[in-house]
Amino acid sequence: MARNQTTQRSNFWFVWRTPLLLAALTLFGLVTALVETGVWHWFAWAALAAPIVVGLWYGFKRPRK
């Protein structure tokens, strides 16, 4: 039974690791864009562009044969 819980936990992080990271990056970008000024706007821009870049990367990636 312990092995099953470990497998479920590892499957959870395998599936949700990247979406949670992208969500945190987006949240950072939104808050930074609203609160900070100057060079922080560039960090906000990069953080908000990251999910778009990842989506385009996997959208145009050719499937393996």
C-alpha atoms as a PDB file:
ATOM      1  CA  MET A   1       0.000   0.000   0.000  1.00  0.00           C
ATOM      2  CA  ALA A   2       2.864   2.405   0.723  1.00  0.00           C
ATOM      3  CA  ARG A   3       4.253   1.788  -2.744  1.00  0.00           C
ATOM      4  CA  ASN A   4       0.917   2.769  -4.300  1.00  0.00           C
ATOM      5  CA  GLN A   5       0.864   6.078  -2.400  1.00  0.00           C
ATOM      6  CA  THR A   6       4.433   6.823  -3.498  1.00  0.00           C
ATOM      7  CA  THR A   7       3.520   6.071  -7.096  1.00  0.00           C
ATOM      8  CA  GLN A   8       0.462   8.322  -6.924  1.00  0.00           C
ATOM      9  CA  ARG A   9       2.508  11.127  -5.379  1.00  0.00           C
ATOM     10  CA  SER A  10       5.232  10.861  -8.031  1.00  0.00           C
ATOM     11  CA  ASN A  11       2.589  10.767 -10.778  1.00  0.00           C
ATOM     12  CA  PHE A  12       0.993  13.908  -9.349  1.00  0.00           C
ATOM     13  CA  TRP A  13       4.259  15.860  -9.494  1.00  0.00           C
ATOM     14  CA  PHE A  14       5.145  14.409 -12.888  1.00  0.00           C
ATOM     15  CA  VAL A  15       1.870  15.705 -14.330  1.00  0.00           C
ATOM     16  CA  TRP A  16       1.496  19.020 -12.466  1.00  0.00           C
ATOM     17  CA  ARG A  17       5.106  20.224 -12.019  1.00  0.00           C
ATOM     18  CA  THR A  18       5.299  22.269 -15.230  1.00  0.00           C
ATOM     19  CA  PRO A  19       1.769  23.772 -15.104  1.00  0.00           C
ATOM     20  CA  LEU A  20       2.335  24.855 -11.487  1.00  0.00           C
ATOM     21  CA  LEU A  21       5.690  26.392 -12.405  1.00  0.00           C
ATOM     22  CA  LEU A  22       4.105  28.284 -15.309  1.00  0.00           C
ATOM     23  CA  ALA A  23       1.263  29.451 -13.064  1.00  0.00           C
ATOM     24  CA  ALA A  24       3.728  30.739 -10.463  1.00  0.00           C
ATOM     25  CA  LEU A  25       5.741  32.490 -13.177  1.00  0.00           C
ATOM     26  CA  THR A  26       2.578  34.111 -14.551  1.00  0.00           C
ATOM     27  CA  LEU A  27       1.507  35.248 -11.088  1.00  0.00           C
ATOM     28  CA  PHE A  28       4.965  36.711 -10.497  1.00  0.00           C
ATOM     29  CA  GLY A  29       4.767  38.552 -13.824  1.00  0.00           C
ATOM     30  CA  LEU A  30       1.313  39.984 -13.136  1.00  0.00           C
ATOM     31  CA  VAL A  31       2.151  41.171  -9.624  1.00  0.00           C
ATOM     32  CA  THR A  32       5.502  42.592 -10.697  1.00  0.00           C
ATOM     33  CA  ALA A  33       3.947  44.477 -13.595  1.00  0.00           C
ATOM     34  CA  LEU A  34       1.379  46.049 -11.284  1.00  0.00           C
ATOM     35  CA  VAL A  35       3.606  46.880  -8.321  1.00  0.00           C
ATOM     36  CA  GLU A  36       7.134  47.555  -9.542  1.00  0.00           C
ATOM     37  CA  THR A  37       8.598  49.968 -12.081  1.00  0.00           C
ATOM     38  CA  GLY A  38      11.754  50.328 -14.107  1.00  0.00           C
ATOM     39  CA  VAL A  39      13.756  47.208 -14.883  1.00  0.00           C
ATOM     40  CA  TRP A  40      11.134  45.053 -13.126  1.00  0.00           C
ATOM     41  CA  HIS A  41       8.823  45.621 -16.094  1.00  0.00           C
ATOM     42  CA  TRP A  42      11.297  43.662 -18.208  1.00  0.00           C
ATOM     43  CA  PHE A  43      11.191  40.795 -15.711  1.00  0.00           C
ATOM     44  CA  ALA A  44       7.395  40.942 -15.760  1.00  0.00           C
ATOM     45  CA  TRP A  45       7.393  40.878 -19.549  1.00  0.00           C
ATOM     46  CA  ALA A  46       9.691  37.851 -19.606  1.00  0.00           C
ATOM     47  CA  ALA A  47       7.636  36.034 -16.952  1.00  0.00           C
ATOM     48  CA  LEU A  48       4.396  36.656 -18.840  1.00  0.00           C
ATOM     49  CA  ALA A  49       5.951  35.594 -22.143  1.00  0.00           C
ATOM     50  CA  ALA A  50       7.235  32.279 -20.758  1.00  0.00           C
ATOM     51  CA  PRO A  51       3.887  30.389 -20.953  1.00  0.00           C
ATOM     52  CA  ILE A  52       3.387  31.656 -24.500  1.00  0.00           C
ATOM     53  CA  VAL A  53       6.850  30.499 -25.531  1.00  0.00           C
ATOM     54  CA  VAL A  54       6.309  27.083 -23.933  1.00  0.00           C
ATOM     55  CA  GLY A  55       2.938  26.732 -25.657  1.00  0.00           C
ATOM     56  CA  LEU A  56       4.371  27.664 -29.031  1.00  0.00           C
ATOM     57  CA  TRP A  57       7.341  25.352 -28.517  1.00  0.00           C
ATOM     58  CA  TYR A  58       5.139  22.342 -27.896  1.00  0.00           C
ATOM     59  CA  GLY A  59       2.587  23.438 -30.472  1.00  0.00           C
ATOM     60  CA  PHE A  60       5.088  23.485 -33.315  1.00  0.00           C
ATOM     61  CA  LYS A  61       7.196  20.594 -32.094  1.00  0.00           C
ATOM     62  CA  ARG A  62       7.094  17.708 -34.517  1.00  0.00           C
ATOM     63  CA  PRO A  63       6.027  14.382 -33.062  1.00  0.00           C
ATOM     64  CA  ARG A  64       8.639  11.633 -32.883  1.00  0.00           C
ATOM     65  CA  LYS A  65       8.256   8.709 -35.232  1.00  0.00           C
END
